[in-house]
Amino acid sequence: MLENIKKELYKLKDKKVTAIIDEGRSRKRIEQGIIKGIYNKIFTIEINDMLLSFSYSDVICKTIVLKKV
């Protein structure tokens, strides 16, 4: 499962994505950004000139949902 997530993220690397980020307590934030880096434990997304990092478990738990723009 983890390898499948990494493969899908490699396809989206350096491309614009829509990120739906669950901030808890029924709050969700929708942002557009670019996937910049894919590493062993985390991946990074540049959103509004800030570099945010997420773990692959965030994708599995749906804390972040990514969609290609």
PDB file of N, CA and C in Angstrom:
ATOM      1  N   MET A   1       0.825  -1.194   0.000  1.00  0.00           N
ATOM      2  CA  MET A   1       0.000   0.000   0.000  1.00  0.00           C
ATOM      3  C   MET A   1       0.869   1.258   0.000  1.00  0.00           C
ATOM      4  N   LEU A   2       1.907   1.275   0.809  1.00  0.00           N
ATOM      5  CA  LEU A   2       2.792   2.430   0.888  1.00  0.00           C
ATOM      6  C   LEU A   2       3.496   2.672  -0.446  1.00  0.00           C
ATOM      7  N   GLU A   3       3.928   1.599  -1.088  1.00  0.00           N
ATOM      8  CA  GLU A   3       4.597   1.733  -2.388  1.00  0.00           C
ATOM      9  C   GLU A   3       3.640   2.284  -3.441  1.00  0.00           C
ATOM     10  N   ASN A   4       2.369   1.897  -3.383  1.00  0.00           N
ATOM     11  CA  ASN A   4       1.374   2.419  -4.325  1.00  0.00           C
ATOM     12  C   ASN A   4       1.191   3.922  -4.145  1.00  0.00           C
ATOM     13  N   ILE A   5       1.171   4.376  -2.900  1.00  0.00           N
ATOM     14  CA  ILE A   5       1.019   5.808  -2.622  1.00  0.00           C
ATOM     15  C   ILE A   5       2.226   6.566  -3.167  1.00  0.00           C
ATOM     16  N   LYS A   6       3.425   6.035  -2.941  1.00  0.00           N
ATOM     17  CA  LYS A   6       4.635   6.687  -3.440  1.00  0.00           C
ATOM     18  C   LYS A   6       4.639   6.759  -4.963  1.00  0.00           C
ATOM     19  N   LYS A   7       4.203   5.686  -5.625  1.00  0.00           N
ATOM     20  CA  LYS A   7       4.146   5.678  -7.095  1.00  0.00           C
ATOM     21  C   LYS A   7       3.195   6.757  -7.607  1.00  0.00           C
ATOM     22  N   GLU A   8       2.035   6.878  -6.967  1.00  0.00           N
ATOM     23  CA  GLU A   8       1.061   7.885  -7.386  1.00  0.00           C
ATOM     24  C   GLU A   8       1.600   9.296  -7.148  1.00  0.00           C
ATOM     25  N   LEU A   9       2.309   9.491  -6.047  1.00  0.00           N
ATOM     26  CA  LEU A   9       2.883  10.802  -5.764  1.00  0.00           C
ATOM     27  C   LEU A   9       3.998  11.144  -6.748  1.00  0.00           C
ATOM     28  N   TYR A  10       4.801  10.145  -7.159  1.00  0.00           N
ATOM     29  CA  TYR A  10       5.837  10.402  -8.156  1.00  0.00           C
ATOM     30  C   TYR A  10       5.222  10.867  -9.475  1.00  0.00           C
ATOM     31  N   LYS A  11       4.043  10.348  -9.809  1.00  0.00           N
ATOM     32  CA  LYS A  11       3.355  10.782 -11.033  1.00  0.00           C
ATOM     33  C   LYS A  11       2.926  12.249 -10.934  1.00  0.00           C
ATOM     34  N   LEU A  12       2.629  12.706  -9.723  1.00  0.00           N
ATOM     35  CA  LEU A  12       2.159  14.075  -9.515  1.00  0.00           C
ATOM     36  C   LEU A  12       3.274  15.063  -9.175  1.00  0.00           C
ATOM     37  N   LYS A  13       4.505  14.569  -9.034  1.00  0.00           N
ATOM     38  CA  LYS A  13       5.612  15.438  -8.627  1.00  0.00           C
ATOM     39  C   LYS A  13       5.795  16.583  -9.617  1.00  0.00           C
ATOM     40  N   ASP A  14       5.993  17.787  -9.082  1.00  0.00           N
ATOM     41  CA  ASP A  14       6.180  19.025  -9.854  1.00  0.00           C
ATOM     42  C   ASP A  14       4.945  19.422 -10.656  1.00  0.00           C
ATOM     43  N   LYS A  15       3.799  18.871 -10.310  1.00  0.00           N
ATOM     44  CA  LYS A  15       2.547  19.236 -10.966  1.00  0.00           C
ATOM     45  C   LYS A  15       1.617  19.894  -9.953  1.00  0.00           C
ATOM     46  N   LYS A  16       0.695  20.677 -10.453  1.00  0.00           N
ATOM     47  CA  LYS A  16      -0.240  21.377  -9.588  1.00  0.00           C
ATOM     48  C   LYS A  16      -1.321  20.402  -9.100  1.00  0.00           C
ATOM     49  N   VAL A  17      -1.579  20.437  -7.799  1.00  0.00           N
ATOM     50  CA  VAL A  17      -2.594  19.579  -7.195  1.00  0.00           C
ATOM     51  C   VAL A  17      -3.499  20.410  -6.288  1.00  0.00           C
ATOM     52  N   THR A  18      -4.687  19.905  -6.063  1.00  0.00           N
ATOM     53  CA  THR A  18      -5.576  20.460  -5.057  1.00  0.00           C
ATOM     54  C   THR A  18      -5.452  19.584  -3.824  1.00  0.00           C
ATOM     55  N   ALA A  19      -5.168  20.204  -2.700  1.00  0.00           N
ATOM     56  CA  ALA A  19      -5.014  19.480  -1.435  1.00  0.00           C
ATOM     57  C   ALA A  19      -6.182  19.823  -0.523  1.00  0.00           C
ATOM     58  N   ILE A  20      -6.895  18.801  -0.086  1.00  0.00           N
ATOM     59  CA  ILE A  20      -7.960  18.972   0.899  1.00  0.00           C
ATOM     60  C   ILE A  20      -7.385  18.487   2.220  1.00  0.00           C
ATOM     61  N   ILE A  21      -7.149  19.434   3.123  1.00  0.00           N
ATOM     62  CA  ILE A  21      -6.450  19.150   4.374  1.00  0.00           C
ATOM     63  C   ILE A  21      -7.447  19.175   5.524  1.00  0.00           C
ATOM     64  N   ASP A  22      -7.537  18.071   6.258  1.00  0.00           N
ATOM     65  CA  ASP A  22      -8.409  17.968   7.422  1.00  0.00           C
ATOM     66  C   ASP A  22      -7.672  18.553   8.620  1.00  0.00           C
ATOM     67  N   GLU A  23      -8.210  19.635   9.167  1.00  0.00           N
ATOM     68  CA  GLU A  23      -7.573  20.299  10.304  1.00  0.00           C
ATOM     69  C   GLU A  23      -8.198  19.899  11.631  1.00  0.00           C
ATOM     70  N   GLY A  24      -9.077  18.936  11.634  1.00  0.00           N
ATOM     71  CA  GLY A  24      -9.707  18.480  12.866  1.00  0.00           C
ATOM     72  C   GLY A  24     -10.946  19.281  13.202  1.00  0.00           C
ATOM     73  N   ARG A  25     -11.748  18.744  14.099  1.00  0.00           N
ATOM     74  CA  ARG A  25     -12.978  19.394  14.553  1.00  0.00           C
ATOM     75  C   ARG A  25     -13.847  19.865  13.392  1.00  0.00           C
ATOM     76  N   SER A  26     -14.014  19.005  12.405  1.00  0.00           N
ATOM     77  CA  SER A  26     -14.872  19.258  11.237  1.00  0.00           C
ATOM     78  C   SER A  26     -14.429  20.464  10.414  1.00  0.00           C
ATOM     79  N   ARG A  27     -13.134  20.786  10.450  1.00  0.00           N
ATOM     80  CA  ARG A  27     -12.617  21.883   9.632  1.00  0.00           C
ATOM     81  C   ARG A  27     -11.733  21.316   8.535  1.00  0.00           C
ATOM     82  N   LYS A  28     -12.020  21.741   7.308  1.00  0.00           N
ATOM     83  CA  LYS A  28     -11.205  21.332   6.171  1.00  0.00           C
ATOM     84  C   LYS A  28     -10.761  22.565   5.425  1.00  0.00           C
ATOM     85  N   ARG A  29      -9.552  22.501   4.905  1.00  0.00           N
ATOM     86  CA  ARG A  29      -8.998  23.612   4.145  1.00  0.00           C
ATOM     87  C   ARG A  29      -8.657  23.084   2.758  1.00  0.00           C
ATOM     88  N   ILE A  30      -9.036  23.826   1.729  1.00  0.00           N
ATOM     89  CA  ILE A  30      -8.748  23.440   0.358  1.00  0.00           C
ATOM     90  C   ILE A  30      -7.737  24.434  -0.211  1.00  0.00           C
ATOM     91  N   GLU A  31      -6.608  23.915  -0.662  1.00  0.00           N
ATOM     92  CA  GLU A  31      -5.518  24.741  -1.184  1.00  0.00           C
ATOM     93  C   GLU A  31      -4.998  24.123  -2.471  1.00  0.00           C
ATOM     94  N   GLN A  32      -4.374  24.953  -3.291  1.00  0.00           N
ATOM     95  CA  GLN A  32      -3.679  24.450  -4.468  1.00  0.00           C
ATOM     96  C   GLN A  32      -2.190  24.611  -4.261  1.00  0.00           C
ATOM     97  N   GLY A  33      -1.440  23.601  -4.663  1.00  0.00           N
ATOM     98  CA  GLY A  33       0.000  23.646  -4.485  1.00  0.00           C
ATOM     99  C   GLY A  33       0.705  22.715  -5.445  1.00  0.00           C
ATOM    100  N   ILE A  34       2.012  22.593  -5.265  1.00  0.00           N
ATOM    101  CA  ILE A  34       2.844  21.750  -6.122  1.00  0.00           C
ATOM    102  C   ILE A  34       3.628  20.786  -5.235  1.00  0.00           C
ATOM    103  N   ILE A  35       3.586  19.502  -5.575  1.00  0.00           N
ATOM    104  CA  ILE A  35       4.358  18.509  -4.830  1.00  0.00           C
ATOM    105  C   ILE A  35       5.824  18.699  -5.193  1.00  0.00           C
ATOM    106  N   LYS A  36       6.647  19.000  -4.193  1.00  0.00           N
ATOM    107  CA  LYS A  36       8.055  19.328  -4.432  1.00  0.00           C
ATOM    108  C   LYS A  36       9.000  18.167  -4.170  1.00  0.00           C
ATOM    109  N   GLY A  37       8.799  17.437  -3.087  1.00  0.00           N
ATOM    110  CA  GLY A  37       9.744  16.382  -2.739  1.00  0.00           C
ATOM    111  C   GLY A  37       9.051  15.135  -2.227  1.00  0.00           C
ATOM    112  N   ILE A  38       9.647  13.984  -2.544  1.00  0.00           N
ATOM    113  CA  ILE A  38       9.128  12.702  -2.068  1.00  0.00           C
ATOM    114  C   ILE A  38      10.300  11.981  -1.415  1.00  0.00           C
ATOM    115  N   TYR A  39      10.151  11.701  -0.130  1.00  0.00           N
ATOM    116  CA  TYR A  39      11.232  11.117   0.656  1.00  0.00           C
ATOM    117  C   TYR A  39      10.756   9.811   1.287  1.00  0.00           C
ATOM    118  N   ASN A  40      11.628   9.174   2.079  1.00  0.00           N
ATOM    119  CA  ASN A  40      11.296   7.884   2.697  1.00  0.00           C
ATOM    120  C   ASN A  40      10.043   7.933   3.561  1.00  0.00           C
ATOM    121  N   LYS A  41       9.963   8.903   4.441  1.00  0.00           N
ATOM    122  CA  LYS A  41       8.873   8.947   5.427  1.00  0.00           C
ATOM    123  C   LYS A  41       7.849  10.044   5.151  1.00  0.00           C
ATOM    124  N   ILE A  42       8.224  11.062   4.383  1.00  0.00           N
ATOM    125  CA  ILE A  42       7.334  12.209   4.161  1.00  0.00           C
ATOM    126  C   ILE A  42       7.365  12.657   2.702  1.00  0.00           C
ATOM    127  N   PHE A  43       6.423  13.540   2.356  1.00  0.00           N
ATOM    128  CA  PHE A  43       6.463  14.247   1.085  1.00  0.00           C
ATOM    129  C   PHE A  43       6.144  15.706   1.378  1.00  0.00           C
ATOM    130  N   THR A  44       6.576  16.597   0.495  1.00  0.00           N
ATOM    131  CA  THR A  44       6.387  18.020   0.727  1.00  0.00           C
ATOM    132  C   THR A  44       5.559  18.637  -0.396  1.00  0.00           C
ATOM    133  N   ILE A  45       4.769  19.631  -0.008  1.00  0.00           N
ATOM    134  CA  ILE A  45       3.940  20.375  -0.950  1.00  0.00           C
ATOM    135  C   ILE A  45       4.176  21.857  -0.704  1.00  0.00           C
ATOM    136  N   GLU A  46       4.398  22.594  -1.781  1.00  0.00           N
ATOM    137  CA  GLU A  46       4.530  24.049  -1.673  1.00  0.00           C
ATOM    138  C   GLU A  46       3.153  24.659  -1.877  1.00  0.00           C
ATOM    139  N   ILE A  47       2.658  25.319  -0.825  1.00  0.00           N
ATOM    140  CA  ILE A  47       1.349  25.973  -0.850  1.00  0.00           C
ATOM    141  C   ILE A  47       1.550  27.413  -0.389  1.00  0.00           C
ATOM    142  N   ASN A  48       1.148  28.356  -1.215  1.00  0.00           N
ATOM    143  CA  ASN A  48       1.259  29.787  -0.867  1.00  0.00           C
ATOM    144  C   ASN A  48       2.670  30.153  -0.410  1.00  0.00           C
ATOM    145  N   ASP A  49       3.683  29.732  -1.153  1.00  0.00           N
ATOM    146  CA  ASP A  49       5.092  30.018  -0.857  1.00  0.00           C
ATOM    147  C   ASP A  49       5.568  29.444   0.478  1.00  0.00           C
ATOM    148  N   MET A  50       4.844  28.481   1.016  1.00  0.00           N
ATOM    149  CA  MET A  50       5.275  27.770   2.224  1.00  0.00           C
ATOM    150  C   MET A  50       5.440  26.299   1.861  1.00  0.00           C
ATOM    151  N   LEU A  51       6.444  25.660   2.416  1.00  0.00           N
ATOM    152  CA  LEU A  51       6.679  24.250   2.171  1.00  0.00           C
ATOM    153  C   LEU A  51       6.114  23.457   3.346  1.00  0.00           C
ATOM    154  N   LEU A  52       5.076  22.666   3.085  1.00  0.00           N
ATOM    155  CA  LEU A  52       4.432  21.857   4.118  1.00  0.00           C
ATOM    156  C   LEU A  52       4.804  20.398   3.917  1.00  0.00           C
ATOM    157  N   SER A  53       4.986  19.670   5.003  1.00  0.00           N
ATOM    158  CA  SER A  53       5.324  18.251   4.897  1.00  0.00           C
ATOM    159  C   SER A  53       4.206  17.409   5.490  1.00  0.00           C
ATOM    160  N   PHE A  54       4.000  16.254   4.871  1.00  0.00           N
ATOM    161  CA  PHE A  54       2.984  15.309   5.298  1.00  0.00           C
ATOM    162  C   PHE A  54       3.584  13.910   5.253  1.00  0.00           C
ATOM    163  N   SER A  55       3.092  13.041   6.107  1.00  0.00           N
ATOM    164  CA  SER A  55       3.554  11.655   6.081  1.00  0.00           C
ATOM    165  C   SER A  55       2.605  10.842   5.203  1.00  0.00           C
ATOM    166  N   TYR A  56       3.053   9.667   4.825  1.00  0.00           N
ATOM    167  CA  TYR A  56       2.215   8.806   3.995  1.00  0.00           C
ATOM    168  C   TYR A  56       1.013   8.292   4.779  1.00  0.00           C
ATOM    169  N   SER A  57       1.139   8.230   6.099  1.00  0.00           N
ATOM    170  CA  SER A  57      -0.010   7.824   6.914  1.00  0.00           C
ATOM    171  C   SER A  57      -1.110   8.885   6.863  1.00  0.00           C
ATOM    172  N   ASP A  58      -0.749  10.154   6.609  1.00  0.00           N
ATOM    173  CA  ASP A  58      -1.762  11.194   6.436  1.00  0.00           C
ATOM    174  C   ASP A  58      -2.631  10.896   5.214  1.00  0.00           C
ATOM    175  N   VAL A  59      -2.028  10.342   4.174  1.00  0.00           N
ATOM    176  CA  VAL A  59      -2.788   9.972   2.969  1.00  0.00           C
ATOM    177  C   VAL A  59      -3.678   8.774   3.274  1.00  0.00           C
ATOM    178  N   ILE A  60      -3.125   7.785   3.975  1.00  0.00           N
ATOM    179  CA  ILE A  60      -3.887   6.574   4.306  1.00  0.00           C
ATOM    180  C   ILE A  60      -5.085   6.917   5.193  1.00  0.00           C
ATOM    181  N   CYS A  61      -4.875   7.799   6.175  1.00  0.00           N
ATOM    182  CA  CYS A  61      -5.941   8.185   7.112  1.00  0.00           C
ATOM    183  C   CYS A  61      -6.841   9.289   6.563  1.00  0.00           C
ATOM    184  N   LYS A  62      -6.531   9.755   5.354  1.00  0.00           N
ATOM    185  CA  LYS A  62      -7.300  10.808   4.697  1.00  0.00           C
ATOM    186  C   LYS A  62      -7.248  12.145   5.449  1.00  0.00           C
ATOM    187  N   THR A  63      -6.135  12.386   6.129  1.00  0.00           N
ATOM    188  CA  THR A  63      -5.894  13.702   6.714  1.00  0.00           C
ATOM    189  C   THR A  63      -5.607  14.694   5.597  1.00  0.00           C
ATOM    190  N   ILE A  64      -5.052  14.194   4.503  1.00  0.00           N
ATOM    191  CA  ILE A  64      -4.869  15.008   3.299  1.00  0.00           C
ATOM    192  C   ILE A  64      -5.306  14.172   2.094  1.00  0.00           C
ATOM    193  N   VAL A  65      -6.067  14.800   1.212  1.00  0.00           N
ATOM    194  CA  VAL A  65      -6.523  14.172  -0.031  1.00  0.00           C
ATOM    195  C   VAL A  65      -5.999  15.025  -1.168  1.00  0.00           C
ATOM    196  N   LEU A  66      -5.326  14.393  -2.122  1.00  0.00           N
ATOM    197  CA  LEU A  66      -4.736  15.122  -3.235  1.00  0.00           C
ATOM    198  C   LEU A  66      -5.465  14.799  -4.532  1.00  0.00           C
ATOM    199  N   LYS A  67      -5.708  15.833  -5.324  1.00  0.00           N
ATOM    200  CA  LYS A  67      -6.346  15.653  -6.626  1.00  0.00           C
ATOM    201  C   LYS A  67      -5.574  16.457  -7.658  1.00  0.00           C
ATOM    202  N   LYS A  68      -5.346  15.861  -8.820  1.00  0.00           N
ATOM    203  CA  LYS A  68      -4.644  16.558  -9.886  1.00  0.00           C
ATOM    204  C   LYS A  68      -5.522  17.666 -10.448  1.00  0.00           C
ATOM    205  N   VAL A  69      -4.908  18.825 -10.700  1.00  0.00           N
ATOM    206  CA  VAL A  69      -5.653  19.970 -11.250  1.00  0.00           C
ATOM    207  C   VAL A  69      -5.711  19.843 -12.750  1.00  0.00           C
TER     208      VAL A  69
END
